[in-house]
C-alpha atoms as a PDB file:
ATOM      1  CA  MET A   1     162.701  68.468  79.794  1.00  0.00           C
ATOM      2  CA  SER A   2     159.901  69.765  82.085  1.00  0.00           C
ATOM      3  CA  LEU A   3     158.532  67.656  84.832  1.00  0.00           C
ATOM      4  CA  THR A   4     155.222  65.804  84.354  1.00  0.00           C
ATOM      5  CA  LEU A   5     152.450  65.979  86.561  1.00  0.00           C
ATOM      6  CA  ASP A   6     153.359  63.067  88.565  1.00  0.00           C
ATOM      7  CA  ALA A   7     156.848  63.791  88.810  1.00  0.00           C
ATOM      8  CA  LEU A   8     156.082  67.185  90.139  1.00  0.00           C
ATOM      9  CA  LEU A   9     153.213  65.953  92.839  1.00  0.00           C
ATOM     10  CA  ALA A  10     156.098  63.268  93.935  1.00  0.00           C
ATOM     11  CA  ARG A  11     158.413  65.830  94.456  1.00  0.00           C
ATOM     12  CA  LEU A  12     156.271  68.147  96.232  1.00  0.00           C
ATOM     13  CA  ASP A  13     154.800  64.947  98.348  1.00  0.00           C
ATOM     14  CA  SER A  14     158.585  64.246  99.452  1.00  0.00           C
ATOM     15  CA  LEU A  15     158.823  68.075 101.150  1.00  0.00           C
ATOM     16  CA  ASP A  16     157.175  69.185 104.141  1.00  0.00           C
ATOM     17  CA  PRO A  17     153.419  70.085 103.443  1.00  0.00           C
ATOM     18  CA  ALA A  18     154.083  73.293 105.932  1.00  0.00           C
ATOM     19  CA  LEU A  19     156.439  74.671 103.855  1.00  0.00           C
ATOM     20  CA  PRO A  20     156.038  77.874 102.406  1.00  0.00           C
ATOM     21  CA  ALA A  21     155.943  77.184  98.004  1.00  0.00           C
ATOM     22  CA  SER A  22     157.194  79.689  94.969  1.00  0.00           C
ATOM     23  CA  PHE A  23     157.679  80.108  91.705  1.00  0.00           C
ATOM     24  CA  VAL A  24     161.267  81.400  90.679  1.00  0.00           C
ATOM     25  CA  GLY A  25     162.258  81.944  87.151  1.00  0.00           C
ATOM     26  CA  PRO A  26     164.082  84.806  84.989  1.00  0.00           C
ATOM     27  CA  GLN A  27     161.331  86.858  86.021  1.00  0.00           C
ATOM     28  CA  GLY A  28     161.597  86.481  89.533  1.00  0.00           C
ATOM     29  CA  LYS A  29     159.748  85.118  92.155  1.00  0.00           C
ATOM     30  CA  THR A  30     155.916  84.952  92.703  1.00  0.00           C
ATOM     31  CA  GLN A  31     154.516  87.268  95.093  1.00  0.00           C
ATOM     32  CA  GLY A  32     152.631  87.623  98.453  1.00  0.00           C
ATOM     33  CA  ALA A  33     149.731  85.479  98.548  1.00  0.00           C
ATOM     34  CA  TRP A  34     149.690  84.203  95.279  1.00  0.00           C
ATOM     35  CA  HIS A  35     147.519  81.406  94.070  1.00  0.00           C
ATOM     36  CA  VAL A  36     146.713  78.947  91.295  1.00  0.00           C
ATOM     37  CA  THR A  37     144.300  80.583  88.996  1.00  0.00           C
ATOM     38  CA  ARG A  38     143.432  77.282  86.628  1.00  0.00           C
ATOM     39  CA  LEU A  39     145.171  73.861  85.409  1.00  0.00           C
ATOM     40  CA  THR A  40     144.611  73.567  81.942  1.00  0.00           C
ATOM     41  CA  MET A  41     144.886  70.232  79.845  1.00  0.00           C
ATOM     42  CA  GLY A  42     145.009  70.010  76.348  1.00  0.00           C
ATOM     43  CA  ARG A  43     145.381  67.647  73.598  1.00  0.00           C
ATOM     44  CA  LEU A  44     147.353  68.990  70.886  1.00  0.00           C
ATOM     45  CA  SER A  45     148.002  68.323  67.150  1.00  0.00           C
ATOM     46  CA  HIS A  46     151.574  69.747  65.151  1.00  0.00           C
ATOM     47  CA  ILE A  47     152.570  69.251  61.871  1.00  0.00           C
ATOM     48  CA  ASP A  48     156.315  70.822  61.557  1.00  0.00           C
ATOM     49  CA  CYS A  49     158.311  72.212  59.266  1.00  0.00           C
ATOM     50  CA  ASP A  50     159.163  68.530  57.560  1.00  0.00           C
ATOM     51  CA  GLU A  51     155.571  67.941  56.765  1.00  0.00           C
ATOM     52  CA  GLY A  52     155.661  64.923  59.877  1.00  0.00           C
ATOM     53  CA  LEU A  53     152.390  65.053  62.234  1.00  0.00           C
ATOM     54  CA  SER A  54     152.497  64.608  65.827  1.00  0.00           C
ATOM     55  CA  THR A  55     150.324  64.271  68.559  1.00  0.00           C
ATOM     56  CA  GLY A  56     150.755  65.281  72.049  1.00  0.00           C
ATOM     57  CA  GLY A  57     149.548  67.224  74.913  1.00  0.00           C
ATOM     58  CA  GLU A  58     150.100  69.726  77.527  1.00  0.00           C
ATOM     59  CA  ILE A  59     149.288  70.927  80.954  1.00  0.00           C
ATOM     60  CA  VAL A  60     149.321  74.264  81.568  1.00  0.00           C
ATOM     61  CA  ILE A  61     149.042  75.762  85.720  1.00  0.00           C
ATOM     62  CA  GLU A  62     148.065  79.556  85.738  1.00  0.00           C
ATOM     63  CA  LEU A  63     149.593  81.552  88.086  1.00  0.00           C
ATOM     64  CA  LEU A  64     148.740  85.166  89.524  1.00  0.00           C
ATOM     65  CA  ASP A  65     150.833  87.006  91.969  1.00  0.00           C
ATOM     66  CA  GLY A  66     148.485  88.124  94.779  1.00  0.00           C
ATOM     67  CA  PRO A  67     148.405  91.023  97.471  1.00  0.00           C
ATOM     68  CA  LEU A  68     150.459  91.228 100.592  1.00  0.00           C
ATOM     69  CA  GLY A  69     150.072  88.642 102.432  1.00  0.00           C
ATOM     70  CA  SER A  70     151.057  84.237 103.205  1.00  0.00           C
ATOM     71  CA  PRO A  71     152.454  82.355 100.032  1.00  0.00           C
ATOM     72  CA  MET A  72     150.388  78.912  99.547  1.00  0.00           C
ATOM     73  CA  ASN A  73     152.095  75.909 100.993  1.00  0.00           C
ATOM     74  CA  VAL A  74     152.948  72.804 100.014  1.00  0.00           C
ATOM     75  CA  ARG A  75     150.412  71.396 100.830  1.00  0.00           C
ATOM     76  CA  HIS A  76     147.720  73.426  99.012  1.00  0.00           C
ATOM     77  CA  LEU A  77     149.596  73.438  95.820  1.00  0.00           C
ATOM     78  CA  ALA A  78     149.646  69.755  96.298  1.00  0.00           C
ATOM     79  CA  ARG A  79     146.189  69.250  96.698  1.00  0.00           C
ATOM     80  CA  ILE A  80     145.354  71.222  93.966  1.00  0.00           C
ATOM     81  CA  LEU A  81     147.546  69.701  91.586  1.00  0.00           C
ATOM     82  CA  ALA A  82     146.356  66.270  92.940  1.00  0.00           C
ATOM     83  CA  LYS A  83     142.633  67.091  92.338  1.00  0.00           C
ATOM     84  CA  GLY A  84     143.830  68.276  88.906  1.00  0.00           C
ATOM     85  CA  ARG A  85     145.101  65.352  88.033  1.00  0.00           C
ATOM     86  CA  THR A  86     142.472  62.914  89.074  1.00  0.00           C
ATOM     87  CA  ALA A  87     139.794  65.353  87.187  1.00  0.00           C
ATOM     88  CA  LEU A  88     141.744  65.330  83.877  1.00  0.00           C
ATOM     89  CA  ALA A  89     141.723  62.075  83.013  1.00  0.00           C
ATOM     90  CA  GLY A  90     145.440  60.746  81.537  1.00  0.00           C
ATOM     91  CA  SER A  91     147.223  64.200  82.713  1.00  0.00           C
ATOM     92  CA  GLY A  92     149.831  62.638  84.842  1.00  0.00           C
ATOM     93  CA  PRO A  93     152.779  61.697  82.303  1.00  0.00           C
ATOM     94  CA  ILE A  94     152.429  65.219  81.071  1.00  0.00           C
ATOM     95  CA  PRO A  95     155.096  67.628  81.243  1.00  0.00           C
ATOM     96  CA  VAL A  96     153.982  70.875  83.255  1.00  0.00           C
ATOM     97  CA  GLN A  97     154.568  74.366  81.768  1.00  0.00           C
ATOM     98  CA  VAL A  98     153.926  77.253  84.160  1.00  0.00           C
ATOM     99  CA  MET A  99     152.283  80.781  83.143  1.00  0.00           C
ATOM    100  CA  HIS A 100     153.367  83.598  85.014  1.00  0.00           C
ATOM    101  CA  ARG A 101     153.924  87.467  84.480  1.00  0.00           C
ATOM    102  CA  SER A 102     152.290  86.712  80.774  1.00  0.00           C
ATOM    103  CA  MET A 103     155.365  83.974  79.959  1.00  0.00           C
ATOM    104  CA  ARG A 104     155.126  80.348  79.660  1.00  0.00           C
ATOM    105  CA  HIS A 105     158.088  78.550  81.634  1.00  0.00           C
ATOM    106  CA  THR A 106     158.890  74.345  82.051  1.00  0.00           C
ATOM    107  CA  VAL A 107     159.245  73.278  85.430  1.00  0.00           C
ATOM    108  CA  GLU A 108     163.163  72.121  85.513  1.00  0.00           C
ATOM    109  CA  ASP A 109     163.604  71.808  89.334  1.00  0.00           C
ATOM    110  CA  ILE A 110     162.038  72.032  92.889  1.00  0.00           C
ATOM    111  CA  VAL A 111     164.511  73.009  95.721  1.00  0.00           C
ATOM    112  CA  ASP A 112     163.653  73.609  99.392  1.00  0.00           C
ATOM    113  CA  GLY A 113     159.797  74.343  98.304  1.00  0.00           C
ATOM    114  CA  ARG A 114     160.938  76.678  95.673  1.00  0.00           C
ATOM    115  CA  ILE A 115     159.805  75.739  91.788  1.00  0.00           C
ATOM    116  CA  VAL A 116     162.200  76.589  89.586  1.00  0.00           C
ATOM    117  CA  LEU A 117     161.009  77.533  85.991  1.00  0.00           C
ATOM    118  CA  ASP A 118     162.826  77.819  82.566  1.00  0.00           C
ATOM    119  CA  PRO A 119     160.848  80.038  79.939  1.00  0.00           C
ATOM    120  CA  VAL A 120     159.701  78.217  77.106  1.00  0.00           C
ATOM    121  CA  HIS A 121     161.793  78.723  73.752  1.00  0.00           C
ATOM    122  CA  ALA A 122     160.622  77.946  69.956  1.00  0.00           C
ATOM    123  CA  SER A 123     162.275  74.932  68.588  1.00  0.00           C
ATOM    124  CA  CYS A 124     162.358  73.133  65.648  1.00  0.00           C
ATOM    125  CA  ARG A 125     161.595  69.814  66.669  1.00  0.00           C
ATOM    126  CA  PRO A 126     162.637  67.776  62.773  1.00  0.00           C
ATOM    127  CA  ALA A 127     165.856  69.563  63.304  1.00  0.00           C
ATOM    128  CA  GLU A 128     166.792  68.161  67.282  1.00  0.00           C
ATOM    129  CA  ARG A 129     165.880  65.122  65.842  1.00  0.00           C
ATOM    130  CA  THR A 130     168.087  64.792  62.351  1.00  0.00           C
ATOM    131  CA  SER A 131     167.436  67.371  60.076  1.00  0.00           C
ATOM    132  CA  CYS A 132     165.201  70.180  59.404  1.00  0.00           C
ATOM    133  CA  CYS A 133     163.435  70.537  55.470  1.00  0.00           C
ATOM    134  CA  ALA A 134     165.241  74.158  55.449  1.00  0.00           C
END
């Protein structure tokens, strides 16, 4: 289960604002003077294999590894995310995904300024609920 934008901001606010921030996942850690290139909110409508309809939303933070240099600190990252939450009405309770090195990840935890990522995998929502149409 991925942290929501509100939960991510609350966790960042509890850290030392000068602490270097980084994102860490199976493909490694953000490099050098990485930065957030975009914060996107999307409204989604789905039809699953059992023909059930559902709606939801997604927040995606796009990251770009930078050249050598200092990584963004927690304060700067939190300011960007807070500005996005204000500008994108209703984004606070939506789970966050991170696009890093051409892969989508969920945000699983924050440890000492390191935002821990887990790759997003395909899943069958009807099978997770009860049974699948297959």
